[in-house]
């Protein structure tokens, strides 16, 4: 995600239960709908 200009934090065991890893993003009122769509698109591309 960082290569796509989006900073995220990954969490895995022991912070969360085993096999339940999470990715945290921070959204603020300063983000536009276009910013959010770019993030969603990046997640879709990386998840493939």
N, C-alpha and C. Protein backbone atom coordinates (compact mmCIF):
# COMPACT_ATOMS: atom_id res chain seq x y z
N UNK A 1 0.82 -1.18 0.00
CA UNK A 1 0.00 0.00 0.00
C UNK A 1 0.88 1.26 0.00
N UNK A 2 1.98 1.19 0.71
CA UNK A 2 2.85 2.37 0.77
C UNK A 2 3.37 2.73 -0.62
N UNK A 3 3.63 1.73 -1.45
CA UNK A 3 4.06 2.00 -2.83
C UNK A 3 2.98 2.74 -3.61
N UNK A 4 1.74 2.62 -3.16
CA UNK A 4 0.62 3.30 -3.80
C UNK A 4 0.29 4.62 -3.10
N UNK A 5 1.14 5.02 -2.15
CA UNK A 5 0.96 6.29 -1.46
C UNK A 5 -0.05 6.26 -0.33
N UNK A 6 -0.33 5.05 0.18
CA UNK A 6 -1.31 4.91 1.25
C UNK A 6 -0.63 4.24 2.44
N UNK A 7 -0.63 4.92 3.57
CA UNK A 7 0.02 4.40 4.77
C UNK A 7 -1.00 3.63 5.59
N UNK A 8 -0.70 2.37 5.88
CA UNK A 8 -1.55 1.53 6.71
C UNK A 8 -0.67 0.85 7.76
N UNK A 9 -1.30 0.35 8.79
CA UNK A 9 -0.62 -0.38 9.85
C UNK A 9 -1.22 -1.79 9.89
N UNK A 10 -0.36 -2.79 9.89
CA UNK A 10 -0.81 -4.17 10.00
C UNK A 10 -0.72 -4.66 11.44
N UNK A 11 -1.69 -5.44 11.86
CA UNK A 11 -1.70 -6.04 13.19
C UNK A 11 -1.86 -7.54 13.04
N UNK A 12 -1.05 -8.27 13.76
CA UNK A 12 -1.18 -9.73 13.74
C UNK A 12 -0.99 -10.26 15.16
N UNK A 13 -1.08 -11.55 15.31
CA UNK A 13 -0.94 -12.19 16.61
C UNK A 13 0.38 -11.76 17.25
N UNK A 14 0.44 -11.41 18.51
CA UNK A 14 -0.56 -11.58 19.56
C UNK A 14 -1.45 -10.37 19.80
N UNK A 15 -1.35 -9.36 18.96
CA UNK A 15 -2.20 -8.17 19.13
C UNK A 15 -3.65 -8.51 18.85
N UNK A 16 -3.89 -9.36 17.87
CA UNK A 16 -5.23 -9.85 17.54
C UNK A 16 -5.17 -11.38 17.56
N UNK A 17 -6.32 -12.07 17.63
CA UNK A 17 -6.29 -13.53 17.66
C UNK A 17 -5.58 -14.12 16.43
N UNK A 18 -5.03 -15.32 16.62
CA UNK A 18 -4.37 -16.01 15.51
C UNK A 18 -5.31 -16.12 14.33
N UNK A 19 -4.74 -16.00 13.13
CA UNK A 19 -5.49 -16.08 11.87
C UNK A 19 -6.54 -14.98 11.72
N UNK A 20 -6.40 -13.88 12.44
CA UNK A 20 -7.36 -12.77 12.36
C UNK A 20 -6.62 -11.44 12.17
N UNK A 21 -5.60 -11.42 11.33
CA UNK A 21 -4.82 -10.20 11.11
C UNK A 21 -5.72 -9.06 10.65
N UNK A 22 -5.30 -7.86 10.95
CA UNK A 22 -6.08 -6.66 10.62
C UNK A 22 -5.18 -5.63 9.97
N UNK A 23 -5.79 -4.75 9.22
CA UNK A 23 -5.09 -3.59 8.66
C UNK A 23 -5.85 -2.35 9.11
N UNK A 24 -5.12 -1.42 9.70
CA UNK A 24 -5.74 -0.19 10.20
C UNK A 24 -5.46 0.96 9.26
N UNK A 25 -6.49 1.73 8.98
CA UNK A 25 -6.36 2.97 8.22
C UNK A 25 -6.97 4.08 9.07
N UNK A 26 -6.56 5.29 8.83
CA UNK A 26 -7.15 6.43 9.53
C UNK A 26 -7.79 7.34 8.50
N UNK A 27 -9.08 7.53 8.65
CA UNK A 27 -9.85 8.38 7.75
C UNK A 27 -10.22 9.64 8.51
N UNK A 28 -10.11 10.77 7.85
CA UNK A 28 -10.50 12.02 8.49
C UNK A 28 -11.41 12.81 7.57
N UNK A 29 -12.01 13.85 8.13
CA UNK A 29 -12.89 14.71 7.34
C UNK A 29 -12.14 15.42 6.23
N UNK A 30 -10.82 15.48 6.33
CA UNK A 30 -10.01 16.13 5.30
C UNK A 30 -9.88 15.27 4.04
N UNK A 31 -10.18 13.97 4.14
CA UNK A 31 -10.12 13.10 2.97
C UNK A 31 -11.36 13.31 2.10
N UNK A 32 -11.12 13.38 0.81
CA UNK A 32 -12.24 13.53 -0.13
C UNK A 32 -12.79 12.16 -0.50
N UNK A 33 -13.93 12.15 -1.16
CA UNK A 33 -14.48 10.89 -1.66
C UNK A 33 -13.52 10.25 -2.65
N UNK A 34 -12.82 11.08 -3.42
CA UNK A 34 -11.83 10.56 -4.37
C UNK A 34 -10.66 9.89 -3.63
N UNK A 35 -10.24 10.47 -2.51
CA UNK A 35 -9.18 9.86 -1.69
C UNK A 35 -9.62 8.48 -1.21
N UNK A 36 -10.84 8.41 -0.71
CA UNK A 36 -11.35 7.14 -0.20
C UNK A 36 -11.47 6.11 -1.32
N UNK A 37 -11.92 6.53 -2.48
CA UNK A 37 -12.04 5.60 -3.60
C UNK A 37 -10.67 5.10 -4.04
N UNK A 38 -9.67 5.97 -4.02
CA UNK A 38 -8.31 5.57 -4.38
C UNK A 38 -7.80 4.52 -3.40
N UNK A 39 -8.11 4.68 -2.12
CA UNK A 39 -7.72 3.72 -1.11
C UNK A 39 -8.43 2.37 -1.33
N UNK A 40 -9.71 2.42 -1.59
CA UNK A 40 -10.48 1.19 -1.86
C UNK A 40 -9.92 0.48 -3.08
N UNK A 41 -9.64 1.23 -4.12
CA UNK A 41 -9.07 0.64 -5.34
C UNK A 41 -7.72 0.00 -5.06
N UNK A 42 -6.89 0.66 -4.26
CA UNK A 42 -5.57 0.12 -3.93
C UNK A 42 -5.71 -1.18 -3.14
N UNK A 43 -6.64 -1.23 -2.18
CA UNK A 43 -6.87 -2.47 -1.44
C UNK A 43 -7.30 -3.59 -2.39
N UNK A 44 -8.16 -3.28 -3.32
CA UNK A 44 -8.63 -4.28 -4.28
C UNK A 44 -7.47 -4.80 -5.13
N UNK A 45 -6.59 -3.93 -5.56
CA UNK A 45 -5.45 -4.34 -6.39
C UNK A 45 -4.45 -5.17 -5.58
N UNK A 46 -4.15 -4.74 -4.38
CA UNK A 46 -3.17 -5.45 -3.54
C UNK A 46 -3.72 -6.80 -3.10
N UNK A 47 -5.01 -6.88 -2.89
CA UNK A 47 -5.63 -8.11 -2.42
C UNK A 47 -5.72 -9.21 -3.46
N UNK A 48 -5.42 -8.90 -4.70
CA UNK A 48 -5.52 -9.91 -5.75
C UNK A 48 -4.37 -10.87 -5.73
